[in-house]
C-alpha atoms as a PDB file:
ATOM      1  CA  UNK A   1     198.186  46.103 217.059  1.00  0.00           C
ATOM      2  CA  UNK A   2     195.001  44.720 215.419  1.00  0.00           C
ATOM      3  CA  UNK A   3     193.690  48.771 215.540  1.00  0.00           C
ATOM      4  CA  UNK A   4     196.861  49.943 213.541  1.00  0.00           C
ATOM      5  CA  UNK A   5     196.632  47.467 211.396  1.00  0.00           C
ATOM      6  CA  UNK A   6     193.072  48.053 210.433  1.00  0.00           C
ATOM      7  CA  UNK A   7     194.083  51.216 209.986  1.00  0.00           C
ATOM      8  CA  UNK A   8     196.862  50.780 207.600  1.00  0.00           C
ATOM      9  CA  UNK A   9     194.433  48.863 205.139  1.00  0.00           C
ATOM     10  CA  UNK A  10     191.485  51.726 205.236  1.00  0.00           C
ATOM     11  CA  UNK A  11     194.307  54.117 204.731  1.00  0.00           C
ATOM     12  CA  UNK A  12     195.673  51.668 201.544  1.00  0.00           C
ATOM     13  CA  UNK A  13     192.224  51.377 200.308  1.00  0.00           C
ATOM     14  CA  UNK A  14     191.778  54.999 199.917  1.00  0.00           C
ATOM     15  CA  UNK A  15     194.448  55.297 198.339  1.00  0.00           C
ATOM     16  CA  UNK A  16     194.354  53.054 195.450  1.00  0.00           C
ATOM     17  CA  UNK A  17     190.487  54.503 195.353  1.00  0.00           C
ATOM     18  CA  UNK A  18     192.092  57.757 194.586  1.00  0.00           C
ATOM     19  CA  UNK A  19     194.443  56.133 192.524  1.00  0.00           C
ATOM     20  CA  UNK A  20     192.170  54.662 189.861  1.00  0.00           C
ATOM     21  CA  UNK A  21     189.514  57.864 190.401  1.00  0.00           C
ATOM     22  CA  UNK A  22     192.314  60.334 189.032  1.00  0.00           C
ATOM     23  CA  UNK A  23     193.178  57.744 185.686  1.00  0.00           C
ATOM     24  CA  UNK A  24     189.847  57.981 185.247  1.00  0.00           C
ATOM     25  CA  UNK A  25     189.322  61.372 184.768  1.00  0.00           C
ATOM     26  CA  UNK A  26     192.492  61.755 183.465  1.00  0.00           C
ATOM     27  CA  UNK A  27     191.257  59.213 180.545  1.00  0.00           C
ATOM     28  CA  UNK A  28     188.116  60.620 180.494  1.00  0.00           C
ATOM     29  CA  UNK A  29     189.782  64.397 180.055  1.00  0.00           C
ATOM     30  CA  UNK A  30     191.889  62.763 176.657  1.00  0.00           C
ATOM     31  CA  UNK A  31     188.872  62.066 175.165  1.00  0.00           C
ATOM     32  CA  UNK A  32     187.080  65.182 175.361  1.00  0.00           C
ATOM     33  CA  UNK A  33     189.928  67.132 174.247  1.00  0.00           C
ATOM     34  CA  UNK A  34     191.223  64.790 171.187  1.00  0.00           C
ATOM     35  CA  UNK A  35     191.312  66.957 168.177  1.00  0.00           C
ATOM     36  CA  UNK A  36     191.019  64.521 165.815  1.00  0.00           C
ATOM     37  CA  UNK A  37     190.966  67.430 162.867  1.00  0.00           C
ATOM     38  CA  UNK A  38     192.948  70.583 161.854  1.00  0.00           C
ATOM     39  CA  UNK A  39     190.987  73.127 160.994  1.00  0.00           C
ATOM     40  CA  UNK A  40     194.102  75.574 159.694  1.00  0.00           C
ATOM     41  CA  UNK A  41     193.143  77.247 156.460  1.00  0.00           C
ATOM     42  CA  UNK A  42     196.264  77.175 153.781  1.00  0.00           C
ATOM     43  CA  UNK A  43     196.523  79.310 150.694  1.00  0.00           C
ATOM     44  CA  UNK A  44     197.265  76.795 147.917  1.00  0.00           C
ATOM     45  CA  UNK A  45     197.434  79.292 145.245  1.00  0.00           C
ATOM     46  CA  UNK A  46     199.933  79.785 142.986  1.00  0.00           C
ATOM     47  CA  UNK A  47     202.229  82.828 144.091  1.00  0.00           C
ATOM     48  CA  UNK A  48     204.476  84.737 141.594  1.00  0.00           C
ATOM     49  CA  UNK A  49     207.283  86.865 143.374  1.00  0.00           C
ATOM     50  CA  UNK A  50     207.347  90.427 142.397  1.00  0.00           C
ATOM     51  CA  UNK A  51     211.068  92.412 141.325  1.00  0.00           C
ATOM     52  CA  UNK A  52     211.880  95.681 142.130  1.00  0.00           C
ATOM     53  CA  UNK A  53     215.087  96.667 140.334  1.00  0.00           C
ATOM     54  CA  UNK A  54     216.664 100.017 139.570  1.00  0.00           C
ATOM     55  CA  UNK A  55     214.503 101.869 141.976  1.00  0.00           C
ATOM     56  CA  UNK A  56     217.050 104.523 142.310  1.00  0.00           C
ATOM     57  CA  UNK A  57     217.067 105.168 138.553  1.00  0.00           C
ATOM     58  CA  UNK A  58     213.062 105.480 138.402  1.00  0.00           C
ATOM     59  CA  UNK A  59     212.801 107.347 141.602  1.00  0.00           C
ATOM     60  CA  UNK A  60     215.627 109.814 141.206  1.00  0.00           C
ATOM     61  CA  UNK A  61     213.552 112.856 140.069  1.00  0.00           C
ATOM     62  CA  UNK A  62     213.490 116.231 141.861  1.00  0.00           C
ATOM     63  CA  UNK A  63     209.963 115.445 141.865  1.00  0.00           C
ATOM     64  CA  UNK A  64     210.580 112.820 144.712  1.00  0.00           C
ATOM     65  CA  UNK A  65     213.203 114.735 146.680  1.00  0.00           C
ATOM     66  CA  UNK A  66     211.346 115.798 149.590  1.00  0.00           C
ATOM     67  CA  UNK A  67     214.728 117.449 152.065  1.00  0.00           C
ATOM     68  CA  UNK A  68     216.341 119.490 150.520  1.00  0.00           C
ATOM     69  CA  UNK A  69     219.492 120.882 151.303  1.00  0.00           C
ATOM     70  CA  UNK A  70     220.436 124.302 149.514  1.00  0.00           C
ATOM     71  CA  UNK A  71     222.438 125.883 152.297  1.00  0.00           C
ATOM     72  CA  UNK A  72     224.708 123.761 152.084  1.00  0.00           C
ATOM     73  CA  UNK A  73     225.381 123.582 147.814  1.00  0.00           C
ATOM     74  CA  UNK A  74     227.405 125.061 145.592  1.00  0.00           C
ATOM     75  CA  UNK A  75     226.775 128.321 143.951  1.00  0.00           C
ATOM     76  CA  UNK A  76     225.079 127.275 140.891  1.00  0.00           C
ATOM     77  CA  UNK A  77     222.661 124.495 143.123  1.00  0.00           C
ATOM     78  CA  UNK A  78     221.741 127.734 144.865  1.00  0.00           C
ATOM     79  CA  UNK A  79     220.937 129.254 141.513  1.00  0.00           C
ATOM     80  CA  UNK A  80     219.247 127.243 140.248  1.00  0.00           C
ATOM     81  CA  UNK A  81     217.275 126.547 143.119  1.00  0.00           C
ATOM     82  CA  UNK A  82     216.005 130.339 143.690  1.00  0.00           C
ATOM     83  CA  UNK A  83     214.751 130.019 139.474  1.00  0.00           C
ATOM     84  CA  UNK A  84     213.250 127.059 140.043  1.00  0.00           C
ATOM     85  CA  UNK A  85     211.506 128.775 143.124  1.00  0.00           C
ATOM     86  CA  UNK A  86     210.946 132.067 141.036  1.00  0.00           C
ATOM     87  CA  UNK A  87     209.490 130.009 138.271  1.00  0.00           C
ATOM     88  CA  UNK A  88     207.176 128.268 140.542  1.00  0.00           C
ATOM     89  CA  UNK A  89     205.448 131.885 141.738  1.00  0.00           C
ATOM     90  CA  UNK A  90     205.647 133.748 138.462  1.00  0.00           C
ATOM     91  CA  UNK A  91     203.870 130.814 137.056  1.00  0.00           C
ATOM     92  CA  UNK A  92     202.011 129.528 139.837  1.00  0.00           C
ATOM     93  CA  UNK A  93     203.580 125.616 139.483  1.00  0.00           C
ATOM     94  CA  UNK A  94     202.528 123.350 142.432  1.00  0.00           C
ATOM     95  CA  UNK A  95     204.830 120.335 141.468  1.00  0.00           C
ATOM     96  CA  UNK A  96     208.794 120.411 142.169  1.00  0.00           C
ATOM     97  CA  UNK A  97     209.290 118.841 139.545  1.00  0.00           C
ATOM     98  CA  UNK A  98     207.893 120.077 137.096  1.00  0.00           C
ATOM     99  CA  UNK A  99     209.510 123.645 137.871  1.00  0.00           C
ATOM    100  CA  UNK A 100     212.926 121.502 138.003  1.00  0.00           C
ATOM    101  CA  UNK A 101     212.303 120.716 134.872  1.00  0.00           C
ATOM    102  CA  UNK A 102     211.137 124.148 133.327  1.00  0.00           C
ATOM    103  CA  UNK A 103     214.574 125.493 134.719  1.00  0.00           C
ATOM    104  CA  UNK A 104     216.830 123.492 133.353  1.00  0.00           C
ATOM    105  CA  UNK A 105     215.289 124.260 130.550  1.00  0.00           C
ATOM    106  CA  UNK A 106     215.618 127.784 130.666  1.00  0.00           C
ATOM    107  CA  UNK A 107     219.402 127.615 131.597  1.00  0.00           C
ATOM    108  CA  UNK A 108     219.380 125.208 128.388  1.00  0.00           C
ATOM    109  CA  UNK A 109     217.779 127.910 126.446  1.00  0.00           C
ATOM    110  CA  UNK A 110     219.837 130.760 128.022  1.00  0.00           C
ATOM    111  CA  UNK A 111     222.965 129.293 127.450  1.00  0.00           C
ATOM    112  CA  UNK A 112     222.366 128.536 123.830  1.00  0.00           C
ATOM    113  CA  UNK A 113     221.212 132.204 123.511  1.00  0.00           C
ATOM    114  CA  UNK A 114     224.432 133.215 125.100  1.00  0.00           C
ATOM    115  CA  UNK A 115     226.816 130.966 122.928  1.00  0.00           C
ATOM    116  CA  UNK A 116     225.169 132.522 120.038  1.00  0.00           C
ATOM    117  CA  UNK A 117     225.870 135.640 121.086  1.00  0.00           C
ATOM    118  CA  UNK A 118     229.692 135.204 121.466  1.00  0.00           C
ATOM    119  CA  UNK A 119     229.857 134.168 118.343  1.00  0.00           C
ATOM    120  CA  UNK A 120     228.701 136.760 116.877  1.00  0.00           C
ATOM    121  CA  UNK A 121     230.527 139.275 118.924  1.00  0.00           C
ATOM    122  CA  UNK A 122     233.483 137.246 117.948  1.00  0.00           C
ATOM    123  CA  UNK A 123     232.699 137.138 114.350  1.00  0.00           C
ATOM    124  CA  UNK A 124     231.966 140.746 113.984  1.00  0.00           C
ATOM    125  CA  UNK A 125     234.804 141.401 115.475  1.00  0.00           C
ATOM    126  CA  UNK A 126     236.629 139.554 112.997  1.00  0.00           C
ATOM    127  CA  UNK A 127     235.658 140.984 110.337  1.00  0.00           C
ATOM    128  CA  UNK A 128     235.580 144.435 111.560  1.00  0.00           C
ATOM    129  CA  UNK A 129     237.850 146.570 109.017  1.00  0.00           C
ATOM    130  CA  UNK A 130     239.253 148.571 111.621  1.00  0.00           C
ATOM    131  CA  UNK A 131     243.391 148.880 111.733  1.00  0.00           C
ATOM    132  CA  UNK A 132     244.623 145.084 112.863  1.00  0.00           C
ATOM    133  CA  UNK A 133     240.698 143.889 113.635  1.00  0.00           C
ATOM    134  CA  UNK A 134     239.740 144.832 117.089  1.00  0.00           C
ATOM    135  CA  UNK A 135     242.434 142.479 118.248  1.00  0.00           C
ATOM    136  CA  UNK A 136     245.150 144.984 116.166  1.00  0.00           C
ATOM    137  CA  UNK A 137     247.625 147.443 118.036  1.00  0.00           C
ATOM    138  CA  UNK A 138     246.384 150.665 119.045  1.00  0.00           C
ATOM    139  CA  UNK A 139     248.952 152.532 117.031  1.00  0.00           C
ATOM    140  CA  UNK A 140     247.361 150.923 114.256  1.00  0.00           C
ATOM    141  CA  UNK A 141     244.161 152.809 115.081  1.00  0.00           C
ATOM    142  CA  UNK A 142     245.164 156.299 115.301  1.00  0.00           C
ATOM    143  CA  UNK A 143     245.885 157.493 112.047  1.00  0.00           C
ATOM    144  CA  UNK A 144     243.225 157.061 109.686  1.00  0.00           C
ATOM    145  CA  UNK A 145     239.659 154.722 109.842  1.00  0.00           C
ATOM    146  CA  UNK A 146     240.942 152.190 107.286  1.00  0.00           C
ATOM    147  CA  UNK A 147     237.032 152.157 106.546  1.00  0.00           C
ATOM    148  CA  UNK A 148     236.866 155.211 105.452  1.00  0.00           C
ATOM    149  CA  UNK A 149     239.857 154.494 103.090  1.00  0.00           C
ATOM    150  CA  UNK A 150     238.236 151.646 101.804  1.00  0.00           C
ATOM    151  CA  UNK A 151     235.149 152.551 101.065  1.00  0.00           C
ATOM    152  CA  UNK A 152     236.846 155.830  98.967  1.00  0.00           C
ATOM    153  CA  UNK A 153     239.592 154.061  97.760  1.00  0.00           C
ATOM    154  CA  UNK A 154     239.290 155.824  94.204  1.00  0.00           C
ATOM    155  CA  UNK A 155     240.221 158.491  96.353  1.00  0.00           C
ATOM    156  CA  UNK A 156     242.698 158.396  98.613  1.00  0.00           C
ATOM    157  CA  UNK A 157     246.304 159.551  98.413  1.00  0.00           C
ATOM    158  CA  UNK A 158     248.111 156.186  99.605  1.00  0.00           C
ATOM    159  CA  UNK A 159     251.540 157.680  98.527  1.00  0.00           C
ATOM    160  CA  UNK A 160     251.176 159.988 101.869  1.00  0.00           C
ATOM    161  CA  UNK A 161     249.315 157.583 103.561  1.00  0.00           C
ATOM    162  CA  UNK A 162     252.420 155.500 102.946  1.00  0.00           C
ATOM    163  CA  UNK A 163     255.570 158.114 103.960  1.00  0.00           C
ATOM    164  CA  UNK A 164     253.620 159.222 106.948  1.00  0.00           C
ATOM    165  CA  UNK A 165     253.401 155.073 108.333  1.00  0.00           C
ATOM    166  CA  UNK A 166     257.279 155.196 107.325  1.00  0.00           C
ATOM    167  CA  UNK A 167     258.479 157.636 109.197  1.00  0.00           C
ATOM    168  CA  UNK A 168     256.364 156.070 112.279  1.00  0.00           C
ATOM    169  CA  UNK A 169     258.764 152.685 111.677  1.00  0.00           C
ATOM    170  CA  UNK A 170     254.518 151.685 111.438  1.00  0.00           C
ATOM    171  CA  UNK A 171     255.891 149.239 109.079  1.00  0.00           C
ATOM    172  CA  UNK A 172     252.436 146.212 109.538  1.00  0.00           C
ATOM    173  CA  UNK A 173     250.071 149.710 107.983  1.00  0.00           C
ATOM    174  CA  UNK A 174     252.586 151.033 105.523  1.00  0.00           C
ATOM    175  CA  UNK A 175     251.793 147.470 103.597  1.00  0.00           C
ATOM    176  CA  UNK A 176     248.137 147.654 104.590  1.00  0.00           C
ATOM    177  CA  UNK A 177     248.089 151.160 102.043  1.00  0.00           C
ATOM    178  CA  UNK A 178     250.318 149.202  99.862  1.00  0.00           C
ATOM    179  CA  UNK A 179     247.379 146.937  99.531  1.00  0.00           C
ATOM    180  CA  UNK A 180     245.225 148.825  99.179  1.00  0.00           C
ATOM    181  CA  UNK A 181     246.827 151.062  96.716  1.00  0.00           C
ATOM    182  CA  UNK A 182     247.588 148.400  94.880  1.00  0.00           C
ATOM    183  CA  UNK A 183     243.300 146.996  94.484  1.00  0.00           C
ATOM    184  CA  UNK A 184     243.192 151.001  93.801  1.00  0.00           C
ATOM    185  CA  UNK A 185     245.276 150.553  90.239  1.00  0.00           C
ATOM    186  CA  UNK A 186     244.365 146.931  89.661  1.00  0.00           C
ATOM    187  CA  UNK A 187     240.573 148.180  89.856  1.00  0.00           C
ATOM    188  CA  UNK A 188     240.913 151.215  87.383  1.00  0.00           C
ATOM    189  CA  UNK A 189     242.572 149.024  84.932  1.00  0.00           C
ATOM    190  CA  UNK A 190     239.647 147.127  84.786  1.00  0.00           C
ATOM    191  CA  UNK A 191     241.859 144.009  85.707  1.00  0.00           C
ATOM    192  CA  UNK A 192     239.433 143.703  88.976  1.00  0.00           C
ATOM    193  CA  UNK A 193     235.975 144.885  89.769  1.00  0.00           C
ATOM    194  CA  UNK A 194     236.418 146.460  93.454  1.00  0.00           C
ATOM    195  CA  UNK A 195     233.960 145.475  96.569  1.00  0.00           C
ATOM    196  CA  UNK A 196     235.088 146.079  99.767  1.00  0.00           C
ATOM    197  CA  UNK A 197     233.092 142.804 100.851  1.00  0.00           C
ATOM    198  CA  UNK A 198     235.395 140.769  98.189  1.00  0.00           C
ATOM    199  CA  UNK A 199     238.205 138.716  99.149  1.00  0.00           C
ATOM    200  CA  UNK A 200     241.507 138.186  98.560  1.00  0.00           C
ATOM    201  CA  UNK A 201     240.397 134.835  96.508  1.00  0.00           C
ATOM    202  CA  UNK A 202     237.401 136.227  94.930  1.00  0.00           C
ATOM    203  CA  UNK A 203     239.827 139.457  93.129  1.00  0.00           C
ATOM    204  CA  UNK A 204     242.655 136.686  92.087  1.00  0.00           C
ATOM    205  CA  UNK A 205     239.716 134.393  90.490  1.00  0.00           C
ATOM    206  CA  UNK A 206     238.555 137.877  88.693  1.00  0.00           C
ATOM    207  CA  UNK A 207     242.747 138.137  87.107  1.00  0.00           C
ATOM    208  CA  UNK A 208     242.697 136.447  83.887  1.00  0.00           C
ATOM    209  CA  UNK A 209     246.372 137.673  83.003  1.00  0.00           C
ATOM    210  CA  UNK A 210     248.473 134.881  84.306  1.00  0.00           C
ATOM    211  CA  UNK A 211     251.217 137.130  84.980  1.00  0.00           C
ATOM    212  CA  UNK A 212     249.401 139.358  87.146  1.00  0.00           C
ATOM    213  CA  UNK A 213     247.782 136.440  88.602  1.00  0.00           C
ATOM    214  CA  UNK A 214     250.993 135.324  90.318  1.00  0.00           C
ATOM    215  CA  UNK A 215     252.194 138.594  91.548  1.00  0.00           C
ATOM    216  CA  UNK A 216     248.733 139.383  92.544  1.00  0.00           C
ATOM    217  CA  UNK A 217     248.950 135.773  94.806  1.00  0.00           C
ATOM    218  CA  UNK A 218     252.494 136.623  96.095  1.00  0.00           C
ATOM    219  CA  UNK A 219     251.223 140.115  97.370  1.00  0.00           C
ATOM    220  CA  UNK A 220     248.508 138.889  98.786  1.00  0.00           C
ATOM    221  CA  UNK A 221     250.677 136.430 100.775  1.00  0.00           C
ATOM    222  CA  UNK A 222     253.153 139.175 101.976  1.00  0.00           C
ATOM    223  CA  UNK A 223     249.479 141.110 102.762  1.00  0.00           C
ATOM    224  CA  UNK A 224     248.204 137.995 105.084  1.00  0.00           C
ATOM    225  CA  UNK A 225     251.726 137.462 106.626  1.00  0.00           C
ATOM    226  CA  UNK A 226     252.587 141.131 107.693  1.00  0.00           C
ATOM    227  CA  UNK A 227     249.070 142.583 108.730  1.00  0.00           C
ATOM    228  CA  UNK A 228     246.745 139.644 109.641  1.00  0.00           C
ATOM    229  CA  UNK A 229     249.420 138.251 111.337  1.00  0.00           C
ATOM    230  CA  UNK A 230     250.221 140.809 113.945  1.00  0.00           C
ATOM    231  CA  UNK A 231     254.396 139.963 113.333  1.00  0.00           C
ATOM    232  CA  UNK A 232     257.029 142.613 114.027  1.00  0.00           C
ATOM    233  CA  UNK A 233     258.354 143.821 111.013  1.00  0.00           C
ATOM    234  CA  UNK A 234     261.652 144.920 110.756  1.00  0.00           C
ATOM    235  CA  UNK A 235     263.022 147.469 108.379  1.00  0.00           C
ATOM    236  CA  UNK A 236     264.833 144.777 106.205  1.00  0.00           C
ATOM    237  CA  UNK A 237     261.511 142.644 105.581  1.00  0.00           C
ATOM    238  CA  UNK A 238     259.434 145.767 105.285  1.00  0.00           C
ATOM    239  CA  UNK A 239     262.294 146.560 102.003  1.00  0.00           C
ATOM    240  CA  UNK A 240     262.043 143.365 100.532  1.00  0.00           C
ATOM    241  CA  UNK A 241     258.166 143.801 101.116  1.00  0.00           C
ATOM    242  CA  UNK A 242     258.001 146.981  99.727  1.00  0.00           C
ATOM    243  CA  UNK A 243     259.656 146.109  96.970  1.00  0.00           C
ATOM    244  CA  UNK A 244     257.431 143.289  95.606  1.00  0.00           C
ATOM    245  CA  UNK A 245     254.291 145.650  95.741  1.00  0.00           C
ATOM    246  CA  UNK A 246     256.182 148.491  94.324  1.00  0.00           C
ATOM    247  CA  UNK A 247     257.190 146.515  91.571  1.00  0.00           C
ATOM    248  CA  UNK A 248     254.203 145.280  91.107  1.00  0.00           C
ATOM    249  CA  UNK A 249     252.481 149.255  91.211  1.00  0.00           C
ATOM    250  CA  UNK A 250     254.343 150.044  87.963  1.00  0.00           C
ATOM    251  CA  UNK A 251     253.706 146.724  85.961  1.00  0.00           C
ATOM    252  CA  UNK A 252     249.780 147.535  86.382  1.00  0.00           C
ATOM    253  CA  UNK A 253     248.754 150.042  83.375  1.00  0.00           C
ATOM    254  CA  UNK A 254     245.470 152.055  83.774  1.00  0.00           C
END
């Protein structure tokens, strides 16, 4: 019994001693690892945020297109790409964006030249002196080229030409001949100076006699309406126009 009590006492003392040793060690460790100063560096400089606006607009140039899907594009895009590649190969251009700009410029210049050519040919067709211009009826061109008649107005037998046109019921062409016949007689009477390049207004401004100017204005109106208007003229309408031209022609004294 006394031995067991003594054993317990020794065990209790050992436990107490061990607990104190652990506390001492733990206390010493906390003292060792205690951090008094923070060594982390903090940047306190004034930082201004940068904004990047309109990036899509700024970098939308062809120079920033790194992938092309020409095969899936329309014919116009494929044509421009083909032309751009030709320019790059021909002029040894390394920059794709520069080649694209040259291509766009070349297309614009070509478009302007094409437009000028179209306008030129249209204008040339309008002032063409054959029959009813280029857009006239083919039957008008089958008789005599008007350009030859205008160049030889003083040597032309207009009465014969008018009779032939009336026989073929080509009333528009007959009015055309009447008008040229009228210019021939006015020139012979020295009321106007005939020139193939002059217009109806040019002739009217040359006429000094009021009655002649009035009759010329009316017959010019008939001529423009029937000839350049390309209206189908029936027999009754032609008869009225023919009477006006015949009356005016008979009033001119050479």
